[in-house]
């Protein structure tokens, strides 16, 4: 499960960094080619989709970490119960 968490975390960070860089370059390129045209958010729809995917991957890494913590707590609780003791 830790490997899956790290994969989600690394992919999420990489996608968000690439997304921010692409949004900046799209904005910069648009402003240099068309200085008189106003900038519209519709030019950033593709980078916004990547941002959503990156954030979803980061949220997935958070959920996997919560699952790991829950399993560790359960193992710790089971370590203190006696083998014949039933709740």
PDB file of N, CA and C in Angstrom:
ATOM      1  N   UNK A   1       0.809  -1.189   0.000  1.00  0.00           N
ATOM      2  CA  UNK A   1       0.000   0.000   0.000  1.00  0.00           C
ATOM      3  C   UNK A   1       0.863   1.268   0.000  1.00  0.00           C
ATOM      4  N   UNK A   2       2.047   1.173   0.604  1.00  0.00           N
ATOM      5  CA  UNK A   2       2.928   2.342   0.628  1.00  0.00           C
ATOM      6  C   UNK A   2       3.408   2.683  -0.773  1.00  0.00           C
ATOM      7  N   UNK A   3       3.629   1.670  -1.580  1.00  0.00           N
ATOM      8  CA  UNK A   3       4.078   1.924  -2.956  1.00  0.00           C
ATOM      9  C   UNK A   3       2.992   2.672  -3.719  1.00  0.00           C
ATOM     10  N   UNK A   4       1.746   2.273  -3.535  1.00  0.00           N
ATOM     11  CA  UNK A   4       0.631   2.944  -4.206  1.00  0.00           C
ATOM     12  C   UNK A   4       0.521   4.392  -3.741  1.00  0.00           C
ATOM     13  N   UNK A   5       0.738   4.624  -2.450  1.00  0.00           N
ATOM     14  CA  UNK A   5       0.690   5.989  -1.919  1.00  0.00           C
ATOM     15  C   UNK A   5       1.770   6.848  -2.566  1.00  0.00           C
ATOM     16  N   UNK A   6       2.977   6.313  -2.662  1.00  0.00           N
ATOM     17  CA  UNK A   6       4.066   7.081  -3.258  1.00  0.00           C
ATOM     18  C   UNK A   6       3.853   7.316  -4.746  1.00  0.00           C
ATOM     19  N   UNK A   7       3.277   6.347  -5.427  1.00  0.00           N
ATOM     20  CA  UNK A   7       2.979   6.538  -6.858  1.00  0.00           C
ATOM     21  C   UNK A   7       1.958   7.652  -7.031  1.00  0.00           C
ATOM     22  N   UNK A   8       0.878   7.623  -6.247  1.00  0.00           N
ATOM     23  CA  UNK A   8      -0.124   8.690  -6.316  1.00  0.00           C
ATOM     24  C   UNK A   8       0.490  10.046  -5.997  1.00  0.00           C
ATOM     25  N   UNK A   9       1.322  10.081  -4.962  1.00  0.00           N
ATOM     26  CA  UNK A   9       1.907  11.336  -4.534  1.00  0.00           C
ATOM     27  C   UNK A   9       2.842  11.904  -5.593  1.00  0.00           C
ATOM     28  N   UNK A  10       3.722  11.085  -6.139  1.00  0.00           N
ATOM     29  CA  UNK A  10       4.681  11.560  -7.148  1.00  0.00           C
ATOM     30  C   UNK A  10       3.955  11.973  -8.430  1.00  0.00           C
ATOM     31  N   UNK A  11       3.021  11.155  -8.888  1.00  0.00           N
ATOM     32  CA  UNK A  11       2.287  11.516 -10.108  1.00  0.00           C
ATOM     33  C   UNK A  11       1.472  12.784  -9.912  1.00  0.00           C
ATOM     34  N   UNK A  12       0.847  12.929  -8.755  1.00  0.00           N
ATOM     35  CA  UNK A  12       0.067  14.129  -8.478  1.00  0.00           C
ATOM     36  C   UNK A  12       0.922  15.375  -8.490  1.00  0.00           C
ATOM     37  N   UNK A  13       2.080  15.320  -7.843  1.00  0.00           N
ATOM     38  CA  UNK A  13       2.972  16.481  -7.799  1.00  0.00           C
ATOM     39  C   UNK A  13       3.509  16.803  -9.187  1.00  0.00           C
ATOM     40  N   UNK A  14       3.906  15.779  -9.931  1.00  0.00           N
ATOM     41  CA  UNK A  14       4.431  16.010 -11.284  1.00  0.00           C
ATOM     42  C   UNK A  14       3.369  16.627 -12.185  1.00  0.00           C
ATOM     43  N   UNK A  15       2.157  16.110 -12.131  1.00  0.00           N
ATOM     44  CA  UNK A  15       1.091  16.639 -12.983  1.00  0.00           C
ATOM     45  C   UNK A  15       0.766  18.077 -12.614  1.00  0.00           C
ATOM     46  N   UNK A  16       0.738  18.397 -11.320  1.00  0.00           N
ATOM     47  CA  UNK A  16       0.425  19.765 -10.914  1.00  0.00           C
ATOM     48  C   UNK A  16       1.538  20.723 -11.334  1.00  0.00           C
ATOM     49  N   UNK A  17       2.792  20.323 -11.191  1.00  0.00           N
ATOM     50  CA  UNK A  17       3.903  21.199 -11.607  1.00  0.00           C
ATOM     51  C   UNK A  17       3.872  21.421 -13.119  1.00  0.00           C
ATOM     52  N   UNK A  18       3.663  20.359 -13.875  1.00  0.00           N
ATOM     53  CA  UNK A  18       3.574  20.499 -15.333  1.00  0.00           C
ATOM     54  C   UNK A  18       2.379  21.366 -15.712  1.00  0.00           C
ATOM     55  N   UNK A  19       1.286  21.205 -14.993  1.00  0.00           N
ATOM     56  CA  UNK A  19       0.095  22.000 -15.249  1.00  0.00           C
ATOM     57  C   UNK A  19       0.348  23.482 -15.004  1.00  0.00           C
ATOM     58  N   UNK A  20       0.992  23.801 -13.891  1.00  0.00           N
ATOM     59  CA  UNK A  20       1.264  25.207 -13.599  1.00  0.00           C
ATOM     60  C   UNK A  20       2.218  25.818 -14.614  1.00  0.00           C
ATOM     61  N   UNK A  21       3.231  25.058 -15.006  1.00  0.00           N
ATOM     62  CA  UNK A  21       4.161  25.567 -16.014  1.00  0.00           C
ATOM     63  C   UNK A  21       3.474  25.762 -17.362  1.00  0.00           C
ATOM     64  N   UNK A  22       2.641  24.816 -17.757  1.00  0.00           N
ATOM     65  CA  UNK A  22       1.950  24.953 -19.046  1.00  0.00           C
ATOM     66  C   UNK A  22       0.972  26.120 -19.018  1.00  0.00           C
ATOM     67  N   UNK A  23       0.287  26.316 -17.904  1.00  0.00           N
ATOM     68  CA  UNK A  23      -0.633  27.457 -17.808  1.00  0.00           C
ATOM     69  C   UNK A  23       0.126  28.773 -17.922  1.00  0.00           C
ATOM     70  N   UNK A  24       1.275  28.846 -17.276  1.00  0.00           N
ATOM     71  CA  UNK A  24       2.083  30.063 -17.371  1.00  0.00           C
ATOM     72  C   UNK A  24       2.549  30.304 -18.801  1.00  0.00           C
ATOM     73  N   UNK A  25       3.046  29.255 -19.468  1.00  0.00           N
ATOM     74  CA  UNK A  25       3.550  29.432 -20.831  1.00  0.00           C
ATOM     75  C   UNK A  25       2.426  29.736 -21.822  1.00  0.00           C
ATOM     76  N   UNK A  26       1.259  29.152 -21.617  1.00  0.00           N
ATOM     77  CA  UNK A  26       0.121  29.477 -22.477  1.00  0.00           C
ATOM     78  C   UNK A  26      -0.246  30.950 -22.313  1.00  0.00           C
ATOM     79  N   UNK A  27      -0.309  31.393 -21.066  1.00  0.00           N
ATOM     80  CA  UNK A  27      -0.640  32.794 -20.794  1.00  0.00           C
ATOM     81  C   UNK A  27       0.415  33.732 -21.375  1.00  0.00           C
ATOM     82  N   UNK A  28       1.686  33.409 -21.168  1.00  0.00           N
ATOM     83  CA  UNK A  28       2.768  34.249 -21.658  1.00  0.00           C
ATOM     84  C   UNK A  28       2.793  34.295 -23.181  1.00  0.00           C
ATOM     85  N   UNK A  29       2.626  33.148 -23.819  1.00  0.00           N
ATOM     86  CA  UNK A  29       2.620  33.086 -25.277  1.00  0.00           C
ATOM     87  C   UNK A  29       1.433  33.846 -25.852  1.00  0.00           C
ATOM     88  N   UNK A  30       0.290  33.726 -25.225  1.00  0.00           N
ATOM     89  CA  UNK A  30      -0.903  34.420 -25.700  1.00  0.00           C
ATOM     90  C   UNK A  30      -0.720  35.931 -25.593  1.00  0.00           C
ATOM     91  N   UNK A  31      -0.148  36.400 -24.498  1.00  0.00           N
ATOM     92  CA  UNK A  31       0.035  37.837 -24.311  1.00  0.00           C
ATOM     93  C   UNK A  31       1.076  38.411 -25.271  1.00  0.00           C
ATOM     94  N   UNK A  32       2.089  37.635 -25.625  1.00  0.00           N
ATOM     95  CA  UNK A  32       3.099  38.164 -26.554  1.00  0.00           C
ATOM     96  C   UNK A  32       2.596  38.173 -27.992  1.00  0.00           C
ATOM     97  N   UNK A  33       1.769  37.202 -28.366  1.00  0.00           N
ATOM     98  CA  UNK A  33       1.274  37.150 -29.740  1.00  0.00           C
ATOM     99  C   UNK A  33       0.098  38.092 -29.967  1.00  0.00           C
ATOM    100  N   UNK A  34      -0.746  38.258 -28.962  1.00  0.00           N
ATOM    101  CA  UNK A  34      -1.948  39.089 -29.093  1.00  0.00           C
ATOM    102  C   UNK A  34      -2.007  40.087 -27.941  1.00  0.00           C
ATOM    103  N   UNK A  35      -1.229  41.159 -28.001  1.00  0.00           N
ATOM    104  CA  UNK A  35      -1.193  42.088 -26.864  1.00  0.00           C
ATOM    105  C   UNK A  35      -2.474  42.900 -26.682  1.00  0.00           C
ATOM    106  N   UNK A  36      -3.290  43.042 -27.720  1.00  0.00           N
ATOM    107  CA  UNK A  36      -4.481  43.868 -27.594  1.00  0.00           C
ATOM    108  C   UNK A  36      -5.724  43.075 -27.216  1.00  0.00           C
ATOM    109  N   UNK A  37      -5.671  41.755 -27.316  1.00  0.00           N
ATOM    110  CA  UNK A  37      -6.826  40.918 -27.011  1.00  0.00           C
ATOM    111  C   UNK A  37      -6.825  40.609 -25.514  1.00  0.00           C
ATOM    112  N   UNK A  38      -8.002  40.656 -24.912  1.00  0.00           N
ATOM    113  CA  UNK A  38      -8.085  40.349 -23.481  1.00  0.00           C
ATOM    114  C   UNK A  38      -7.951  38.840 -23.271  1.00  0.00           C
ATOM    115  N   UNK A  39      -7.346  38.491 -22.165  1.00  0.00           N
ATOM    116  CA  UNK A  39      -7.103  37.085 -21.838  1.00  0.00           C
ATOM    117  C   UNK A  39      -8.384  36.474 -21.289  1.00  0.00           C
ATOM    118  N   UNK A  40      -8.728  35.302 -21.809  1.00  0.00           N
ATOM    119  CA  UNK A  40      -9.964  34.627 -21.397  1.00  0.00           C
ATOM    120  C   UNK A  40      -9.615  33.316 -20.701  1.00  0.00           C
ATOM    121  N   UNK A  41     -10.424  32.911 -19.748  1.00  0.00           N
ATOM    122  CA  UNK A  41     -10.189  31.681 -18.991  1.00  0.00           C
ATOM    123  C   UNK A  41     -10.368  30.440 -19.872  1.00  0.00           C
ATOM    124  N   UNK A  42     -11.026  30.575 -20.995  1.00  0.00           N
ATOM    125  CA  UNK A  42     -11.252  29.413 -21.856  1.00  0.00           C
ATOM    126  C   UNK A  42      -9.944  28.852 -22.419  1.00  0.00           C
ATOM    127  N   UNK A  43      -8.890  29.651 -22.427  1.00  0.00           N
ATOM    128  CA  UNK A  43      -7.598  29.153 -22.893  1.00  0.00           C
ATOM    129  C   UNK A  43      -6.935  28.248 -21.859  1.00  0.00           C
ATOM    130  N   UNK A  44      -7.442  28.247 -20.652  1.00  0.00           N
ATOM    131  CA  UNK A  44      -6.850  27.443 -19.583  1.00  0.00           C
ATOM    132  C   UNK A  44      -7.690  26.222 -19.208  1.00  0.00           C
ATOM    133  N   UNK A  45      -8.639  25.843 -20.036  1.00  0.00           N
ATOM    134  CA  UNK A  45      -9.492  24.701 -19.707  1.00  0.00           C
ATOM    135  C   UNK A  45      -8.683  23.414 -19.649  1.00  0.00           C
ATOM    136  N   UNK A  46      -7.796  23.202 -20.594  1.00  0.00           N
ATOM    137  CA  UNK A  46      -6.981  21.987 -20.584  1.00  0.00           C
ATOM    138  C   UNK A  46      -6.067  21.927 -19.361  1.00  0.00           C
ATOM    139  N   UNK A  47      -5.349  23.006 -19.023  1.00  0.00           N
ATOM    140  CA  UNK A  47      -4.553  22.959 -17.786  1.00  0.00           C
ATOM    141  C   UNK A  47      -5.411  22.797 -16.530  1.00  0.00           C
ATOM    142  N   UNK A  48      -6.611  23.332 -16.517  1.00  0.00           N
ATOM    143  CA  UNK A  48      -7.479  23.160 -15.351  1.00  0.00           C
ATOM    144  C   UNK A  48      -7.896  21.702 -15.183  1.00  0.00           C
ATOM    145  N   UNK A  49      -8.089  21.005 -16.285  1.00  0.00           N
ATOM    146  CA  UNK A  49      -8.411  19.580 -16.188  1.00  0.00           C
ATOM    147  C   UNK A  49      -7.247  18.795 -15.598  1.00  0.00           C
ATOM    148  N   UNK A  50      -6.025  19.153 -16.000  1.00  0.00           N
ATOM    149  CA  UNK A  50      -4.854  18.500 -15.421  1.00  0.00           C
ATOM    150  C   UNK A  50      -4.728  18.808 -13.931  1.00  0.00           C
ATOM    151  N   UNK A  51      -5.079  20.015 -13.547  1.00  0.00           N
ATOM    152  CA  UNK A  51      -5.033  20.374 -12.133  1.00  0.00           C
ATOM    153  C   UNK A  51      -6.012  19.516 -11.331  1.00  0.00           C
ATOM    154  N   UNK A  52      -7.177  19.286 -11.866  1.00  0.00           N
ATOM    155  CA  UNK A  52      -8.169  18.445 -11.190  1.00  0.00           C
ATOM    156  C   UNK A  52      -7.656  17.013 -11.050  1.00  0.00           C
ATOM    157  N   UNK A  53      -7.033  16.497 -12.107  1.00  0.00           N
ATOM    158  CA  UNK A  53      -6.484  15.141 -12.052  1.00  0.00           C
ATOM    159  C   UNK A  53      -5.359  15.064 -11.017  1.00  0.00           C
ATOM    160  N   UNK A  54      -4.483  16.057 -10.993  1.00  0.00           N
ATOM    161  CA  UNK A  54      -3.395  16.079 -10.022  1.00  0.00           C
ATOM    162  C   UNK A  54      -3.900  16.146  -8.595  1.00  0.00           C
ATOM    163  N   UNK A  55      -4.901  16.984  -8.357  1.00  0.00           N
ATOM    164  CA  UNK A  55      -5.473  17.069  -7.019  1.00  0.00           C
ATOM    165  C   UNK A  55      -6.179  15.782  -6.622  1.00  0.00           C
ATOM    166  N   UNK A  56      -6.804  15.109  -7.577  1.00  0.00           N
ATOM    167  CA  UNK A  56      -7.448  13.823  -7.284  1.00  0.00           C
ATOM    168  C   UNK A  56      -6.407  12.776  -6.896  1.00  0.00           C
ATOM    169  N   UNK A  57      -5.255  12.798  -7.558  1.00  0.00           N
ATOM    170  CA  UNK A  57      -4.192  11.863  -7.191  1.00  0.00           C
ATOM    171  C   UNK A  57      -3.632  12.167  -5.799  1.00  0.00           C
ATOM    172  N   UNK A  58      -3.485  13.440  -5.473  1.00  0.00           N
ATOM    173  CA  UNK A  58      -3.024  13.796  -4.130  1.00  0.00           C
ATOM    174  C   UNK A  58      -4.043  13.391  -3.075  1.00  0.00           C
ATOM    175  N   UNK A  59      -5.321  13.545  -3.381  1.00  0.00           N
ATOM    176  CA  UNK A  59      -6.365  13.106  -2.457  1.00  0.00           C
ATOM    177  C   UNK A  59      -6.346  11.586  -2.314  1.00  0.00           C
ATOM    178  N   UNK A  60      -6.065  10.872  -3.403  1.00  0.00           N
ATOM    179  CA  UNK A  60      -5.939   9.420  -3.339  1.00  0.00           C
ATOM    180  C   UNK A  60      -4.784   8.998  -2.451  1.00  0.00           C
ATOM    181  N   UNK A  61      -3.660   9.726  -2.518  1.00  0.00           N
ATOM    182  CA  UNK A  61      -2.524   9.429  -1.645  1.00  0.00           C
ATOM    183  C   UNK A  61      -2.898   9.673  -0.187  1.00  0.00           C
ATOM    184  N   UNK A  62      -3.661  10.706   0.069  1.00  0.00           N
ATOM    185  CA  UNK A  62      -4.123  10.995   1.435  1.00  0.00           C
ATOM    186  C   UNK A  62      -5.027   9.874   1.947  1.00  0.00           C
ATOM    187  N   UNK A  63      -5.923   9.402   1.102  1.00  0.00           N
ATOM    188  CA  UNK A  63      -6.827   8.321   1.512  1.00  0.00           C
ATOM    189  C   UNK A  63      -6.072   7.023   1.789  1.00  0.00           C
ATOM    190  N   UNK A  64      -5.072   6.723   0.979  1.00  0.00           N
ATOM    191  CA  UNK A  64      -4.264   5.522   1.210  1.00  0.00           C
ATOM    192  C   UNK A  64      -3.503   5.657   2.525  1.00  0.00           C
ATOM    193  N   UNK A  65      -2.997   6.861   2.836  1.00  0.00           N
ATOM    194  CA  UNK A  65      -2.299   7.068   4.105  1.00  0.00           C
ATOM    195  C   UNK A  65      -3.250   6.881   5.279  1.00  0.00           C
ATOM    196  N   UNK A  66      -4.492   7.331   5.134  1.00  0.00           N
ATOM    197  CA  UNK A  66      -5.478   7.120   6.196  1.00  0.00           C
ATOM    198  C   UNK A  66      -5.745   5.639   6.404  1.00  0.00           C
ATOM    199  N   UNK A  67      -5.798   4.885   5.329  1.00  0.00           N
ATOM    200  CA  UNK A  67      -6.010   3.435   5.425  1.00  0.00           C
ATOM    201  C   UNK A  67      -4.824   2.762   6.113  1.00  0.00           C
ATOM    202  N   UNK A  68      -3.603   3.202   5.792  1.00  0.00           N
ATOM    203  CA  UNK A  68      -2.408   2.652   6.436  1.00  0.00           C
ATOM    204  C   UNK A  68      -2.438   2.946   7.935  1.00  0.00           C
ATOM    205  N   UNK A  69      -2.787   4.168   8.299  1.00  0.00           N
ATOM    206  CA  UNK A  69      -2.865   4.531   9.718  1.00  0.00           C
ATOM    207  C   UNK A  69      -3.925   3.712  10.445  1.00  0.00           C
ATOM    208  N   UNK A  70      -5.054   3.488   9.804  1.00  0.00           N
ATOM    209  CA  UNK A  70      -6.142   2.702  10.406  1.00  0.00           C
ATOM    210  C   UNK A  70      -5.689   1.259  10.641  1.00  0.00           C
ATOM    211  N   UNK A  71      -4.989   0.676   9.677  1.00  0.00           N
ATOM    212  CA  UNK A  71      -4.489  -0.693   9.842  1.00  0.00           C
ATOM    213  C   UNK A  71      -3.434  -0.773  10.935  1.00  0.00           C
ATOM    214  N   UNK A  72      -2.567   0.236  11.039  1.00  0.00           N
ATOM    215  CA  UNK A  72      -1.557   0.244  12.091  1.00  0.00           C
ATOM    216  C   UNK A  72      -2.194   0.344  13.477  1.00  0.00           C
ATOM    217  N   UNK A  73      -3.242   1.156  13.603  1.00  0.00           N
ATOM    218  CA  UNK A  73      -3.946   1.242  14.886  1.00  0.00           C
ATOM    219  C   UNK A  73      -4.603  -0.077  15.240  1.00  0.00           C
ATOM    220  N   UNK A  74      -5.178  -0.744  14.241  1.00  0.00           N
ATOM    221  CA  UNK A  74      -5.838  -2.025  14.480  1.00  0.00           C
ATOM    222  C   UNK A  74      -4.828  -3.083  14.923  1.00  0.00           C
ATOM    223  N   UNK A  75      -3.658  -3.104  14.308  1.00  0.00           N
ATOM    224  CA  UNK A  75      -2.617  -4.054  14.698  1.00  0.00           C
ATOM    225  C   UNK A  75      -2.165  -3.780  16.123  1.00  0.00           C
ATOM    226  N   UNK A  76      -2.036  -2.496  16.474  1.00  0.00           N
ATOM    227  CA  UNK A  76      -1.629  -2.135  17.828  1.00  0.00           C
ATOM    228  C   UNK A  76      -2.685  -2.554  18.842  1.00  0.00           C
ATOM    229  N   UNK A  77      -3.955  -2.368  18.535  1.00  0.00           N
ATOM    230  CA  UNK A  77      -5.023  -2.782  19.447  1.00  0.00           C
ATOM    231  C   UNK A  77      -5.047  -4.299  19.596  1.00  0.00           C
ATOM    232  N   UNK A  78      -4.837  -5.017  18.502  1.00  0.00           N
ATOM    233  CA  UNK A  78      -4.849  -6.476  18.557  1.00  0.00           C
ATOM    234  C   UNK A  78      -3.646  -7.026  19.315  1.00  0.00           C
ATOM    235  N   UNK A  79      -2.557  -6.288  19.381  1.00  0.00           N
ATOM    236  CA  UNK A  79      -1.360  -6.753  20.074  1.00  0.00           C
ATOM    237  C   UNK A  79      -1.572  -6.788  21.588  1.00  0.00           C
ATOM    238  N   UNK A  80      -2.479  -5.956  22.110  1.00  0.00           N
ATOM    239  CA  UNK A  80      -2.698  -5.900  23.546  1.00  0.00           C
ATOM    240  C   UNK A  80      -3.826  -6.806  24.029  1.00  0.00           C
ATOM    241  N   UNK A  81      -4.552  -7.419  23.130  1.00  0.00           N
ATOM    242  CA  UNK A  81      -5.606  -8.341  23.550  1.00  0.00           C
ATOM    243  C   UNK A  81      -5.031  -9.738  23.686  1.00  0.00           C
ATOM    244  N   UNK A  82      -5.543 -10.453  24.614  1.00  0.00           N
ATOM    245  CA  UNK A  82      -5.077 -11.833  24.804  1.00  0.00           C
ATOM    246  C   UNK A  82      -5.694 -12.726  23.748  1.00  0.00           C
ATOM    247  N   UNK A  83      -5.026 -13.812  23.390  1.00  0.00           N
ATOM    248  CA  UNK A  83      -5.530 -14.661  22.302  1.00  0.00           C
ATOM    249  C   UNK A  83      -6.923 -15.227  22.579  1.00  0.00           C
ATOM    250  N   UNK A  84      -7.238 -15.554  23.832  1.00  0.00           N
ATOM    251  CA  UNK A  84      -8.548 -16.133  24.152  1.00  0.00           C
ATOM    252  C   UNK A  84      -9.596 -15.087  24.465  1.00  0.00           C
ATOM    253  N   UNK A  85      -9.215 -13.830  24.529  1.00  0.00           N
ATOM    254  CA  UNK A  85     -10.119 -12.754  24.903  1.00  0.00           C
ATOM    255  C   UNK A  85     -10.952 -12.328  23.691  1.00  0.00           C
ATOM    256  N   UNK A  86     -12.264 -12.400  23.828  1.00  0.00           N
ATOM    257  CA  UNK A  86     -13.158 -11.971  22.740  1.00  0.00           C
ATOM    258  C   UNK A  86     -13.966 -10.783  23.216  1.00  0.00           C
ATOM    259  N   UNK A  87     -14.168  -9.842  22.339  1.00  0.00           N
ATOM    260  CA  UNK A  87     -14.980  -8.642  22.701  1.00  0.00           C
ATOM    261  C   UNK A  87     -16.398  -8.835  22.287  1.00  0.00           C
TER     262      UNK A  87
END
